[in-house]
Amino acid sequence: MNFIDFSSIVSKIEKKELPGTESHFKMASAQRANEIKVSQSTLENAKKAAVLAAFYPDKEGQTYLLFIKRQAGEGVHADQIAFPGGREEDTDNDLAYTALREAEEEVGIRSKDMGFLKALTAVYIPPSNFLVQPYMGLYFKSRPFIRQVSEVNALLEVPLLDILDASNKQLSKLNTSYATDIEVPSFKFKDQIIWGATAMILNEIRWLLKEVL
């Protein structure tokens, strides 16, 4: 879909009620589903982070969504596909600022070029004890993305039509930080598997888009 048309339509999402954990459950493994409902005290004591789901136009003006592949290493989320983002810093004004700051650091997205920005449902990640606040936004890109090589191994740029295509949902067998050879709901784009918290966030985005497109 043309980005200009998409940007004029997607603003309708602003007043839409979020499907919340209902959409998250559909992309959670059996073990993860049991962990989604945690106590309020757990959430209050969790570390805070934010990520940015940025839709943008390619050179032909078609709508894409940006993901990153994190560098390999020993971290819980190493080598995984994710949205740009990271941990809240003491100097951040709020979590929206965190998402935009991290996106600029990791891929060069400039906050002044961001349009519509909507807070989605937060996702708790038990292995790392992070409560992640996602934001969906429109990026009127005026320059190429720039990887922060120390954090980002590669970029994954996915057309809107592929995001909406139900055939890209599948079950995948993976080794995770907490289990071996488990079957998890996932999305597959360009031979890359998206699962866990990123898949949960993406499913809520798809849910909202289908309400207005």
N, C-alpha and C. Protein backbone atom coordinates (compact mmCIF):
# COMPACT_ATOMS: atom_id res chain seq x y z
N MET A 1 0.84 -1.20 0.00
CA MET A 1 0.00 0.00 0.00
C MET A 1 0.87 1.24 0.00
N ASN A 2 0.48 2.23 -0.77
CA ASN A 2 1.18 3.51 -0.80
C ASN A 2 1.22 4.13 0.60
N PHE A 3 2.39 4.66 0.98
CA PHE A 3 2.57 5.17 2.34
C PHE A 3 1.68 6.38 2.63
N ILE A 4 1.47 7.23 1.65
CA ILE A 4 0.61 8.40 1.86
C ILE A 4 -0.81 7.95 2.18
N ASP A 5 -1.31 6.97 1.41
CA ASP A 5 -2.65 6.44 1.68
C ASP A 5 -2.68 5.77 3.05
N PHE A 6 -1.64 4.99 3.35
CA PHE A 6 -1.58 4.29 4.63
C PHE A 6 -1.57 5.27 5.80
N SER A 7 -0.77 6.31 5.69
CA SER A 7 -0.66 7.27 6.80
C SER A 7 -1.98 8.01 7.04
N SER A 8 -2.76 8.22 5.99
CA SER A 8 -4.05 8.91 6.17
C SER A 8 -5.09 8.00 6.81
N ILE A 9 -4.94 6.70 6.58
CA ILE A 9 -5.89 5.74 7.14
C ILE A 9 -5.53 5.33 8.57
N VAL A 10 -4.23 5.15 8.81
CA VAL A 10 -3.81 4.56 10.08
C VAL A 10 -4.09 5.47 11.28
N SER A 11 -4.27 6.75 11.03
CA SER A 11 -4.59 7.66 12.13
C SER A 11 -5.91 7.29 12.81
N LYS A 12 -6.74 6.52 12.10
CA LYS A 12 -8.00 6.06 12.70
C LYS A 12 -7.75 5.13 13.89
N ILE A 13 -6.57 4.57 13.94
CA ILE A 13 -6.22 3.66 15.04
C ILE A 13 -6.13 4.40 16.37
N GLU A 14 -5.87 5.69 16.31
CA GLU A 14 -5.59 6.47 17.51
C GLU A 14 -6.65 6.29 18.59
N LYS A 15 -7.92 6.20 18.19
CA LYS A 15 -9.00 6.09 19.16
C LYS A 15 -9.53 4.67 19.32
N LYS A 16 -8.86 3.72 18.64
CA LYS A 16 -9.30 2.34 18.75
C LYS A 16 -8.88 1.74 20.09
N GLU A 17 -9.76 0.93 20.66
CA GLU A 17 -9.42 0.23 21.90
C GLU A 17 -8.43 -0.87 21.60
N LEU A 18 -7.42 -1.01 22.44
CA LEU A 18 -6.40 -2.03 22.22
C LEU A 18 -6.93 -3.42 22.57
N PRO A 19 -6.61 -4.42 21.74
CA PRO A 19 -7.02 -5.79 22.08
C PRO A 19 -6.24 -6.35 23.26
N GLY A 20 -5.04 -5.80 23.50
CA GLY A 20 -4.26 -6.15 24.69
C GLY A 20 -3.81 -7.59 24.72
N THR A 21 -3.86 -8.19 25.92
CA THR A 21 -3.30 -9.53 26.09
C THR A 21 -4.04 -10.58 25.27
N GLU A 22 -5.26 -10.29 24.84
CA GLU A 22 -5.97 -11.25 23.98
C GLU A 22 -5.18 -11.51 22.70
N SER A 23 -4.61 -10.43 22.12
CA SER A 23 -3.79 -10.60 20.92
C SER A 23 -2.43 -11.18 21.27
N HIS A 24 -1.91 -10.90 22.45
CA HIS A 24 -0.62 -11.45 22.87
C HIS A 24 -0.70 -12.97 23.05
N PHE A 25 -1.79 -13.45 23.66
CA PHE A 25 -1.93 -14.87 23.93
C PHE A 25 -1.82 -15.71 22.67
N LYS A 26 -2.31 -15.18 21.56
CA LYS A 26 -2.32 -15.93 20.31
C LYS A 26 -0.92 -16.19 19.76
N MET A 27 0.07 -15.42 20.24
CA MET A 27 1.44 -15.62 19.76
C MET A 27 2.38 -16.02 20.89
N ALA A 28 1.81 -16.58 21.95
CA ALA A 28 2.61 -17.01 23.10
C ALA A 28 2.70 -18.52 23.16
N SER A 29 3.86 -19.03 23.52
CA SER A 29 4.00 -20.47 23.73
C SER A 29 3.18 -20.86 24.96
N ALA A 30 2.97 -22.16 25.13
CA ALA A 30 2.17 -22.62 26.27
C ALA A 30 2.77 -22.15 27.59
N GLN A 31 4.10 -22.26 27.71
CA GLN A 31 4.76 -21.82 28.94
C GLN A 31 4.63 -20.32 29.11
N ARG A 32 4.82 -19.59 28.01
CA ARG A 32 4.77 -18.14 28.08
C ARG A 32 3.37 -17.65 28.42
N ALA A 33 2.35 -18.33 27.90
CA ALA A 33 0.96 -17.95 28.18
C ALA A 33 0.67 -17.99 29.67
N ASN A 34 1.28 -18.96 30.35
CA ASN A 34 1.07 -19.07 31.80
C ASN A 34 1.76 -17.94 32.55
N GLU A 35 2.75 -17.30 31.91
CA GLU A 35 3.52 -16.26 32.59
C GLU A 35 3.03 -14.85 32.27
N ILE A 36 2.11 -14.73 31.30
CA ILE A 36 1.66 -13.40 30.88
C ILE A 36 0.93 -12.69 32.02
N LYS A 37 0.09 -13.43 32.73
CA LYS A 37 -0.64 -12.83 33.83
C LYS A 37 0.21 -12.92 35.09
N VAL A 38 0.86 -11.81 35.41
CA VAL A 38 1.71 -11.76 36.59
C VAL A 38 1.15 -10.75 37.57
N SER A 39 1.66 -10.77 38.77
CA SER A 39 1.14 -9.88 39.81
C SER A 39 1.51 -8.43 39.53
N GLN A 40 0.73 -7.54 40.08
CA GLN A 40 0.98 -6.11 39.91
C GLN A 40 2.32 -5.72 40.51
N SER A 41 2.69 -6.34 41.62
CA SER A 41 3.96 -6.02 42.25
C SER A 41 5.13 -6.41 41.35
N THR A 42 4.98 -7.54 40.62
CA THR A 42 6.03 -7.96 39.68
C THR A 42 6.21 -6.92 38.59
N LEU A 43 5.10 -6.43 38.06
CA LEU A 43 5.17 -5.43 37.00
C LEU A 43 5.77 -4.13 37.51
N GLU A 44 5.40 -3.73 38.71
CA GLU A 44 5.91 -2.48 39.28
C GLU A 44 7.41 -2.54 39.52
N ASN A 45 7.91 -3.73 39.83
CA ASN A 45 9.33 -3.89 40.14
C ASN A 45 10.18 -4.29 38.93
N ALA A 46 9.53 -4.50 37.79
CA ALA A 46 10.26 -4.90 36.59
C ALA A 46 11.05 -3.72 36.03
N LYS A 47 12.13 -4.03 35.33
CA LYS A 47 12.88 -3.00 34.62
C LYS A 47 12.04 -2.51 33.44
N LYS A 48 12.18 -1.25 33.10
CA LYS A 48 11.35 -0.65 32.05
C LYS A 48 12.14 -0.48 30.76
N ALA A 49 11.47 -0.75 29.65
CA ALA A 49 12.06 -0.56 28.33
C ALA A 49 10.95 -0.14 27.36
N ALA A 50 11.36 0.31 26.19
CA ALA A 50 10.39 0.72 25.17
C ALA A 50 10.94 0.40 23.79
N VAL A 51 10.03 0.08 22.87
CA VAL A 51 10.43 -0.22 21.50
C VAL A 51 9.54 0.56 20.54
N LEU A 52 10.03 0.70 19.30
CA LEU A 52 9.32 1.47 18.29
C LEU A 52 9.05 0.62 17.06
N ALA A 53 7.76 0.48 16.72
CA ALA A 53 7.35 -0.17 15.47
C ALA A 53 7.09 0.95 14.46
N ALA A 54 8.08 1.20 13.61
CA ALA A 54 8.02 2.33 12.69
C ALA A 54 7.65 1.88 11.28
N PHE A 55 6.52 2.38 10.80
CA PHE A 55 6.14 2.18 9.40
C PHE A 55 6.70 3.34 8.58
N TYR A 56 7.17 3.05 7.38
CA TYR A 56 7.86 4.06 6.58
C TYR A 56 7.72 3.73 5.10
N PRO A 57 8.00 4.69 4.21
CA PRO A 57 7.94 4.43 2.77
C PRO A 57 9.29 3.97 2.22
N ASP A 58 9.26 3.02 1.28
CA ASP A 58 10.49 2.67 0.58
C ASP A 58 10.70 3.67 -0.57
N LYS A 59 11.66 3.41 -1.43
CA LYS A 59 11.98 4.35 -2.50
C LYS A 59 10.83 4.52 -3.49
N GLU A 60 9.98 3.51 -3.58
CA GLU A 60 8.82 3.58 -4.49
C GLU A 60 7.57 4.10 -3.78
N GLY A 61 7.72 4.45 -2.49
CA GLY A 61 6.59 5.00 -1.75
C GLY A 61 5.67 3.97 -1.14
N GLN A 62 6.08 2.68 -1.15
CA GLN A 62 5.26 1.63 -0.56
C GLN A 62 5.57 1.49 0.93
N THR A 63 4.59 1.02 1.69
CA THR A 63 4.70 0.98 3.15
C THR A 63 5.43 -0.27 3.65
N TYR A 64 6.39 -0.04 4.53
CA TYR A 64 7.19 -1.11 5.14
C TYR A 64 7.21 -0.93 6.65
N LEU A 65 7.54 -2.02 7.36
CA LEU A 65 7.75 -2.00 8.81
C LEU A 65 9.17 -2.46 9.10
N LEU A 66 9.85 -1.75 9.99
CA LEU A 66 11.26 -2.02 10.27
C LEU A 66 11.45 -2.89 11.52
N PHE A 67 12.30 -3.92 11.36
CA PHE A 67 12.77 -4.73 12.47
C PHE A 67 14.30 -4.71 12.45
N ILE A 68 14.89 -5.11 13.55
CA ILE A 68 16.34 -5.29 13.60
C ILE A 68 16.66 -6.72 14.02
N LYS A 69 17.85 -7.20 13.64
CA LYS A 69 18.35 -8.45 14.18
C LYS A 69 19.50 -8.11 15.10
N ARG A 70 19.36 -8.47 16.36
CA ARG A 70 20.38 -8.12 17.35
C ARG A 70 21.65 -8.94 17.14
N GLN A 71 22.75 -8.38 17.58
CA GLN A 71 24.01 -9.08 17.46
C GLN A 71 24.00 -10.36 18.31
N ALA A 72 24.76 -11.35 17.87
CA ALA A 72 24.87 -12.59 18.64
C ALA A 72 25.68 -12.32 19.91
N GLY A 73 25.48 -13.17 20.90
CA GLY A 73 26.19 -13.00 22.17
C GLY A 73 25.57 -13.87 23.23
N GLU A 74 25.82 -13.53 24.48
CA GLU A 74 25.33 -14.34 25.59
C GLU A 74 24.05 -13.79 26.22
N GLY A 75 23.57 -12.65 25.76
CA GLY A 75 22.38 -12.06 26.33
C GLY A 75 21.13 -12.88 26.05
N VAL A 76 20.09 -12.68 26.85
CA VAL A 76 18.84 -13.42 26.71
C VAL A 76 18.24 -13.22 25.32
N HIS A 77 18.36 -12.01 24.77
CA HIS A 77 17.71 -11.70 23.50
C HIS A 77 18.70 -11.58 22.34
N ALA A 78 19.90 -12.07 22.53
CA ALA A 78 20.91 -11.99 21.47
C ALA A 78 20.47 -12.76 20.23
N ASP A 79 20.81 -12.22 19.06
CA ASP A 79 20.59 -12.87 17.76
C ASP A 79 19.11 -12.99 17.40
N GLN A 80 18.24 -12.26 18.09
CA GLN A 80 16.81 -12.34 17.81
C GLN A 80 16.35 -11.15 16.97
N ILE A 81 15.23 -11.36 16.25
CA ILE A 81 14.58 -10.26 15.54
C ILE A 81 13.75 -9.47 16.55
N ALA A 82 13.85 -8.15 16.48
CA ALA A 82 13.16 -7.29 17.44
C ALA A 82 12.80 -5.97 16.78
N PHE A 83 12.06 -5.16 17.49
CA PHE A 83 11.87 -3.77 17.10
C PHE A 83 13.01 -2.95 17.69
N PRO A 84 13.40 -1.87 17.05
CA PRO A 84 14.38 -0.97 17.68
C PRO A 84 13.89 -0.53 19.05
N GLY A 85 14.79 -0.47 20.00
CA GLY A 85 14.39 -0.04 21.33
C GLY A 85 15.38 -0.50 22.39
N GLY A 86 15.06 -0.17 23.64
CA GLY A 86 15.96 -0.54 24.71
C GLY A 86 15.50 -0.05 26.06
N ARG A 87 16.41 -0.12 27.00
CA ARG A 87 16.12 0.16 28.40
C ARG A 87 15.92 1.65 28.66
N GLU A 88 15.00 1.95 29.56
CA GLU A 88 14.75 3.34 29.98
C GLU A 88 15.95 3.86 30.77
N GLU A 89 16.36 5.07 30.46
CA GLU A 89 17.45 5.73 31.18
C GLU A 89 16.86 6.74 32.17
N ASP A 90 17.59 7.02 33.23
CA ASP A 90 17.12 7.96 34.25
C ASP A 90 16.83 9.35 33.66
N THR A 91 17.52 9.70 32.59
CA THR A 91 17.36 11.03 32.00
C THR A 91 16.22 11.10 30.98
N ASP A 92 15.57 9.98 30.68
CA ASP A 92 14.47 9.98 29.71
C ASP A 92 13.24 10.66 30.32
N ASN A 93 12.57 11.46 29.52
CA ASN A 93 11.35 12.14 29.99
C ASN A 93 10.22 11.16 30.25
N ASP A 94 10.07 10.18 29.36
CA ASP A 94 9.04 9.15 29.48
C ASP A 94 9.43 8.00 28.56
N LEU A 95 8.58 6.98 28.51
CA LEU A 95 8.93 5.80 27.71
C LEU A 95 8.82 6.07 26.21
N ALA A 96 7.99 7.00 25.79
CA ALA A 96 7.95 7.38 24.38
C ALA A 96 9.30 7.97 23.97
N TYR A 97 9.85 8.77 24.86
CA TYR A 97 11.18 9.34 24.61
C TYR A 97 12.22 8.22 24.54
N THR A 98 12.09 7.22 25.41
CA THR A 98 13.01 6.09 25.40
C THR A 98 12.99 5.38 24.05
N ALA A 99 11.78 5.10 23.56
CA ALA A 99 11.64 4.40 22.28
C ALA A 99 12.27 5.18 21.14
N LEU A 100 12.03 6.49 21.11
CA LEU A 100 12.57 7.33 20.03
C LEU A 100 14.08 7.50 20.16
N ARG A 101 14.56 7.65 21.39
CA ARG A 101 16.01 7.79 21.59
C ARG A 101 16.75 6.53 21.15
N GLU A 102 16.23 5.39 21.57
CA GLU A 102 16.87 4.12 21.22
C GLU A 102 16.80 3.86 19.71
N ALA A 103 15.68 4.22 19.08
CA ALA A 103 15.54 4.02 17.63
C ALA A 103 16.54 4.89 16.87
N GLU A 104 16.77 6.09 17.37
CA GLU A 104 17.76 6.95 16.72
C GLU A 104 19.16 6.38 16.89
N GLU A 105 19.45 5.86 18.08
CA GLU A 105 20.77 5.30 18.34
C GLU A 105 21.02 4.04 17.50
N GLU A 106 20.00 3.18 17.40
CA GLU A 106 20.19 1.87 16.78
C GLU A 106 20.08 1.88 15.26
N VAL A 107 19.17 2.72 14.72
CA VAL A 107 18.96 2.68 13.26
C VAL A 107 18.94 4.07 12.62
N GLY A 108 19.13 5.12 13.40
CA GLY A 108 19.20 6.45 12.83
C GLY A 108 17.88 7.13 12.57
N ILE A 109 16.78 6.60 13.12
CA ILE A 109 15.48 7.26 12.98
C ILE A 109 15.50 8.56 13.77
N ARG A 110 15.14 9.64 13.11
CA ARG A 110 15.14 10.94 13.78
C ARG A 110 13.73 11.25 14.30
N SER A 111 13.63 11.58 15.57
CA SER A 111 12.33 11.79 16.19
C SER A 111 11.55 12.91 15.51
N LYS A 112 12.25 13.91 14.95
CA LYS A 112 11.56 15.03 14.30
C LYS A 112 10.85 14.58 13.02
N ASP A 113 11.24 13.42 12.50
CA ASP A 113 10.60 12.90 11.28
C ASP A 113 9.50 11.89 11.59
N MET A 114 9.23 11.66 12.88
CA MET A 114 8.15 10.75 13.27
C MET A 114 6.83 11.49 13.29
N GLY A 115 5.80 10.81 12.80
CA GLY A 115 4.46 11.39 12.84
C GLY A 115 3.65 10.78 13.97
N PHE A 116 2.49 10.26 13.60
CA PHE A 116 1.58 9.58 14.53
C PHE A 116 2.34 8.59 15.41
N LEU A 117 2.08 8.62 16.71
CA LEU A 117 2.72 7.70 17.65
C LEU A 117 1.67 7.21 18.64
N LYS A 118 1.46 5.90 18.67
CA LYS A 118 0.43 5.34 19.55
C LYS A 118 1.04 4.31 20.49
N ALA A 119 0.75 4.45 21.77
CA ALA A 119 1.20 3.46 22.76
C ALA A 119 0.35 2.19 22.63
N LEU A 120 1.01 1.05 22.59
CA LEU A 120 0.34 -0.23 22.53
C LEU A 120 0.35 -0.88 23.91
N THR A 121 -0.06 -2.12 24.00
CA THR A 121 -0.12 -2.82 25.28
C THR A 121 1.28 -3.29 25.69
N ALA A 122 1.66 -2.99 26.91
CA ALA A 122 2.98 -3.39 27.41
C ALA A 122 3.07 -4.91 27.52
N VAL A 123 4.28 -5.42 27.32
CA VAL A 123 4.54 -6.87 27.38
C VAL A 123 5.60 -7.14 28.44
N TYR A 124 5.30 -8.05 29.35
CA TYR A 124 6.29 -8.44 30.37
C TYR A 124 7.11 -9.61 29.84
N ILE A 125 8.44 -9.53 29.99
CA ILE A 125 9.35 -10.57 29.51
C ILE A 125 10.02 -11.22 30.73
N PRO A 126 9.54 -12.39 31.16
CA PRO A 126 10.06 -13.03 32.38
C PRO A 126 11.56 -13.32 32.38
N PRO A 127 12.15 -13.85 31.27
CA PRO A 127 13.59 -14.20 31.35
C PRO A 127 14.50 -13.04 31.69
N SER A 128 14.13 -11.82 31.24
CA SER A 128 14.98 -10.66 31.51
C SER A 128 14.35 -9.69 32.51
N ASN A 129 13.13 -10.00 32.99
CA ASN A 129 12.41 -9.15 33.94
C ASN A 129 12.25 -7.72 33.43
N PHE A 130 11.88 -7.60 32.15
CA PHE A 130 11.60 -6.29 31.56
C PHE A 130 10.11 -6.16 31.27
N LEU A 131 9.57 -4.98 31.55
CA LEU A 131 8.24 -4.61 31.09
C LEU A 131 8.44 -3.67 29.92
N VAL A 132 8.09 -4.14 28.73
CA VAL A 132 8.39 -3.40 27.50
C VAL A 132 7.14 -2.66 27.01
N GLN A 133 7.29 -1.36 26.82
CA GLN A 133 6.21 -0.52 26.30
C GLN A 133 6.44 -0.29 24.80
N PRO A 134 5.56 -0.85 23.96
CA PRO A 134 5.72 -0.63 22.52
C PRO A 134 4.98 0.63 22.05
N TYR A 135 5.51 1.23 21.02
CA TYR A 135 4.87 2.36 20.34
C TYR A 135 4.84 2.07 18.84
N MET A 136 3.72 2.42 18.24
CA MET A 136 3.57 2.30 16.79
C MET A 136 3.61 3.70 16.20
N GLY A 137 4.41 3.90 15.16
CA GLY A 137 4.53 5.25 14.61
C GLY A 137 4.72 5.27 13.11
N LEU A 138 4.62 6.45 12.54
CA LEU A 138 4.85 6.69 11.12
C LEU A 138 6.14 7.48 10.97
N TYR A 139 7.04 6.94 10.18
CA TYR A 139 8.33 7.59 9.96
C TYR A 139 8.44 8.07 8.52
N PHE A 140 8.43 9.39 8.38
CA PHE A 140 8.53 9.98 7.05
C PHE A 140 10.02 10.10 6.72
N LYS A 141 10.59 8.94 6.31
CA LYS A 141 12.03 8.79 6.17
C LYS A 141 12.61 9.74 5.12
N SER A 142 13.66 10.43 5.50
CA SER A 142 14.32 11.32 4.56
C SER A 142 15.78 10.92 4.31
N ARG A 143 16.22 9.84 4.94
CA ARG A 143 17.58 9.36 4.72
C ARG A 143 17.65 7.88 5.05
N PRO A 144 18.66 7.16 4.57
CA PRO A 144 18.76 5.71 4.82
C PRO A 144 18.94 5.42 6.32
N PHE A 145 18.52 4.22 6.71
CA PHE A 145 18.76 3.79 8.08
C PHE A 145 20.25 3.56 8.30
N ILE A 146 20.70 3.82 9.52
CA ILE A 146 22.12 3.63 9.86
C ILE A 146 22.20 2.69 11.06
N ARG A 147 22.78 1.51 10.85
CA ARG A 147 22.89 0.53 11.94
C ARG A 147 23.90 0.95 13.00
N GLN A 148 23.54 0.73 14.26
CA GLN A 148 24.52 0.81 15.34
C GLN A 148 25.16 -0.58 15.41
N VAL A 149 26.33 -0.72 14.81
CA VAL A 149 26.93 -2.03 14.58
C VAL A 149 27.13 -2.82 15.87
N SER A 150 27.40 -2.15 16.96
CA SER A 150 27.63 -2.86 18.22
C SER A 150 26.37 -3.56 18.74
N GLU A 151 25.20 -3.08 18.32
CA GLU A 151 23.93 -3.63 18.80
C GLU A 151 23.14 -4.36 17.72
N VAL A 152 23.26 -3.90 16.48
CA VAL A 152 22.38 -4.37 15.41
C VAL A 152 23.20 -5.11 14.35
N ASN A 153 22.88 -6.39 14.16
CA ASN A 153 23.57 -7.20 13.16
C ASN A 153 23.06 -6.90 11.75
N ALA A 154 21.74 -6.72 11.62
CA ALA A 154 21.14 -6.50 10.30
C ALA A 154 19.77 -5.87 10.47
N LEU A 155 19.26 -5.33 9.38
CA LEU A 155 17.91 -4.77 9.34
C LEU A 155 17.00 -5.74 8.60
N LEU A 156 15.76 -5.81 9.03
CA LEU A 156 14.74 -6.60 8.35
C LEU A 156 13.61 -5.64 7.99
N GLU A 157 13.44 -5.38 6.70
CA GLU A 157 12.43 -4.45 6.21
C GLU A 157 11.32 -5.26 5.55
N VAL A 158 10.11 -5.18 6.11
CA VAL A 158 9.01 -6.06 5.70
C VAL A 158 7.86 -5.23 5.12
N PRO A 159 7.41 -5.57 3.89
CA PRO A 159 6.28 -4.84 3.30
C PRO A 159 5.00 -5.01 4.12
N LEU A 160 4.18 -3.99 4.12
CA LEU A 160 2.91 -4.03 4.84
C LEU A 160 2.06 -5.24 4.42
N LEU A 161 2.04 -5.53 3.14
CA LEU A 161 1.23 -6.64 2.65
C LEU A 161 1.67 -7.96 3.26
N ASP A 162 2.98 -8.13 3.49
CA ASP A 162 3.47 -9.35 4.14
C ASP A 162 3.09 -9.38 5.62
N ILE A 163 3.09 -8.21 6.25
CA ILE A 163 2.68 -8.12 7.66
C ILE A 163 1.24 -8.60 7.82
N LEU A 164 0.38 -8.25 6.88
CA LEU A 164 -1.04 -8.57 6.97
C LEU A 164 -1.36 -9.98 6.47
N ASP A 165 -0.44 -10.60 5.76
CA ASP A 165 -0.67 -11.91 5.15
C ASP A 165 -0.65 -13.01 6.22
N ALA A 166 -1.79 -13.64 6.43
CA ALA A 166 -1.93 -14.66 7.47
C ALA A 166 -1.05 -15.87 7.21
N SER A 167 -0.65 -16.10 5.98
CA SER A 167 0.17 -17.27 5.66
C SER A 167 1.57 -17.16 6.23
N ASN A 168 1.96 -15.97 6.70
CA ASN A 168 3.28 -15.79 7.30
C ASN A 168 3.30 -16.15 8.78
N LYS A 169 2.16 -16.57 9.33
CA LYS A 169 2.12 -17.08 10.70
C LYS A 169 2.35 -18.58 10.67
N GLN A 170 3.14 -19.08 11.62
CA GLN A 170 3.45 -20.50 11.63
C GLN A 170 3.88 -20.93 13.03
N LEU A 171 4.01 -22.24 13.22
CA LEU A 171 4.62 -22.78 14.43
C LEU A 171 6.07 -23.10 14.12
N SER A 172 6.99 -22.71 15.00
CA SER A 172 8.41 -22.95 14.79
C SER A 172 9.00 -23.67 15.98
N LYS A 173 9.95 -24.56 15.75
CA LYS A 173 10.67 -25.21 16.83
C LYS A 173 11.98 -24.48 17.05
N LEU A 174 12.17 -24.03 18.28
CA LEU A 174 13.33 -23.20 18.60
C LEU A 174 13.98 -23.64 19.90
N ASN A 175 15.24 -23.25 20.06
CA ASN A 175 15.91 -23.35 21.35
C ASN A 175 15.93 -21.95 21.96
N THR A 176 15.48 -21.83 23.18
CA THR A 176 15.39 -20.53 23.84
C THR A 176 16.26 -20.51 25.08
N SER A 177 16.23 -19.37 25.77
CA SER A 177 17.01 -19.24 27.00
C SER A 177 16.43 -20.07 28.13
N TYR A 178 15.19 -20.54 27.96
CA TYR A 178 14.55 -21.28 29.05
C TYR A 178 14.10 -22.69 28.66
N ALA A 179 14.27 -23.07 27.39
CA ALA A 179 13.83 -24.40 26.96
C ALA A 179 14.52 -24.79 25.66
N THR A 180 14.53 -26.11 25.40
CA THR A 180 15.16 -26.63 24.19
C THR A 180 14.12 -27.29 23.30
N ASP A 181 14.21 -26.98 22.01
CA ASP A 181 13.35 -27.60 21.00
C ASP A 181 11.86 -27.46 21.35
N ILE A 182 11.46 -26.23 21.67
CA ILE A 182 10.05 -26.00 21.96
C ILE A 182 9.34 -25.44 20.74
N GLU A 183 8.03 -25.68 20.66
CA GLU A 183 7.22 -25.20 19.54
C GLU A 183 6.56 -23.89 19.95
N VAL A 184 6.77 -22.86 19.16
CA VAL A 184 6.23 -21.54 19.50
C VAL A 184 5.50 -20.94 18.30
N PRO A 185 4.41 -20.19 18.54
CA PRO A 185 3.78 -19.44 17.45
C PRO A 185 4.77 -18.37 16.98
N SER A 186 4.80 -18.12 15.68
CA SER A 186 5.77 -17.18 15.15
C SER A 186 5.30 -16.59 13.82
N PHE A 187 6.03 -15.58 13.38
CA PHE A 187 5.89 -15.04 12.03
C PHE A 187 7.19 -15.33 11.30
N LYS A 188 7.09 -15.54 9.98
CA LYS A 188 8.30 -15.76 9.19
C LYS A 188 8.31 -14.80 8.00
N PHE A 189 9.34 -13.97 7.96
CA PHE A 189 9.52 -13.03 6.85
C PHE A 189 10.96 -13.17 6.34
N LYS A 190 11.11 -13.40 5.05
CA LYS A 190 12.45 -13.48 4.43
C LYS A 190 13.36 -14.45 5.19
N ASP A 191 12.80 -15.61 5.54
CA ASP A 191 13.53 -16.67 6.24
C ASP A 191 13.94 -16.30 7.66
N GLN A 192 13.41 -15.21 8.19
CA GLN A 192 13.69 -14.81 9.57
C GLN A 192 12.46 -15.09 10.44
N ILE A 193 12.70 -15.68 11.61
CA ILE A 193 11.61 -16.05 12.52
C ILE A 193 11.44 -14.96 13.58
N ILE A 194 10.21 -14.50 13.73
CA ILE A 194 9.85 -13.52 14.77
C ILE A 194 8.95 -14.22 15.77
N TRP A 195 9.37 -14.24 17.02
CA TRP A 195 8.62 -14.95 18.04
C TRP A 195 8.71 -14.19 19.37
N GLY A 196 8.11 -14.75 20.41
CA GLY A 196 8.19 -14.12 21.73
C GLY A 196 7.51 -12.77 21.79
N ALA A 197 8.09 -11.86 22.57
CA ALA A 197 7.48 -10.55 22.81
C ALA A 197 7.28 -9.77 21.51
N THR A 198 8.23 -9.86 20.58
CA THR A 198 8.10 -9.12 19.32
C THR A 198 6.91 -9.63 18.52
N ALA A 199 6.71 -10.95 18.50
CA ALA A 199 5.55 -11.51 17.80
C ALA A 199 4.24 -11.09 18.47
N MET A 200 4.24 -11.01 19.80
CA MET A 200 3.04 -10.57 20.52
C MET A 200 2.69 -9.13 20.16
N ILE A 201 3.70 -8.28 20.16
CA ILE A 201 3.48 -6.87 19.80
C ILE A 201 2.99 -6.76 18.36
N LEU A 202 3.64 -7.51 17.47
CA LEU A 202 3.26 -7.47 16.06
C LEU A 202 1.83 -7.94 15.86
N ASN A 203 1.41 -8.93 16.62
CA ASN A 203 0.05 -9.43 16.47
C ASN A 203 -0.98 -8.37 16.87
N GLU A 204 -0.66 -7.59 17.90
CA GLU A 204 -1.58 -6.51 18.28
C GLU A 204 -1.63 -5.45 17.18
N ILE A 205 -0.49 -5.15 16.58
CA ILE A 205 -0.45 -4.18 15.47
C ILE A 205 -1.30 -4.70 14.31
N ARG A 206 -1.15 -5.97 13.97
CA ARG A 206 -1.94 -6.54 12.86
C ARG A 206 -3.42 -6.45 13.16
N TRP A 207 -3.77 -6.73 14.41
CA TRP A 207 -5.16 -6.69 14.85
C TRP A 207 -5.73 -5.28 14.62
N LEU A 208 -4.99 -4.27 15.04
CA LEU A 208 -5.44 -2.90 14.87
C LEU A 208 -5.54 -2.49 13.40
N LEU A 209 -4.54 -2.89 12.62
CA LEU A 209 -4.55 -2.54 11.19
C LEU A 209 -5.75 -3.14 10.48
N LYS A 210 -6.08 -4.36 10.82
CA LYS A 210 -7.21 -5.00 10.16
C LYS A 210 -8.54 -4.34 10.52
N GLU A 211 -8.56 -3.58 11.61
CA GLU A 211 -9.76 -2.84 11.99
C GLU A 211 -10.01 -1.64 11.09
N VAL A 212 -8.95 -1.14 10.47
CA VAL A 212 -9.09 0.13 9.72
C VAL A 212 -8.76 0.00 8.23
N LEU A 213 -8.04 -1.03 7.83
CA LEU A 213 -7.66 -1.17 6.42
C LEU A 213 -8.68 -1.97 5.62
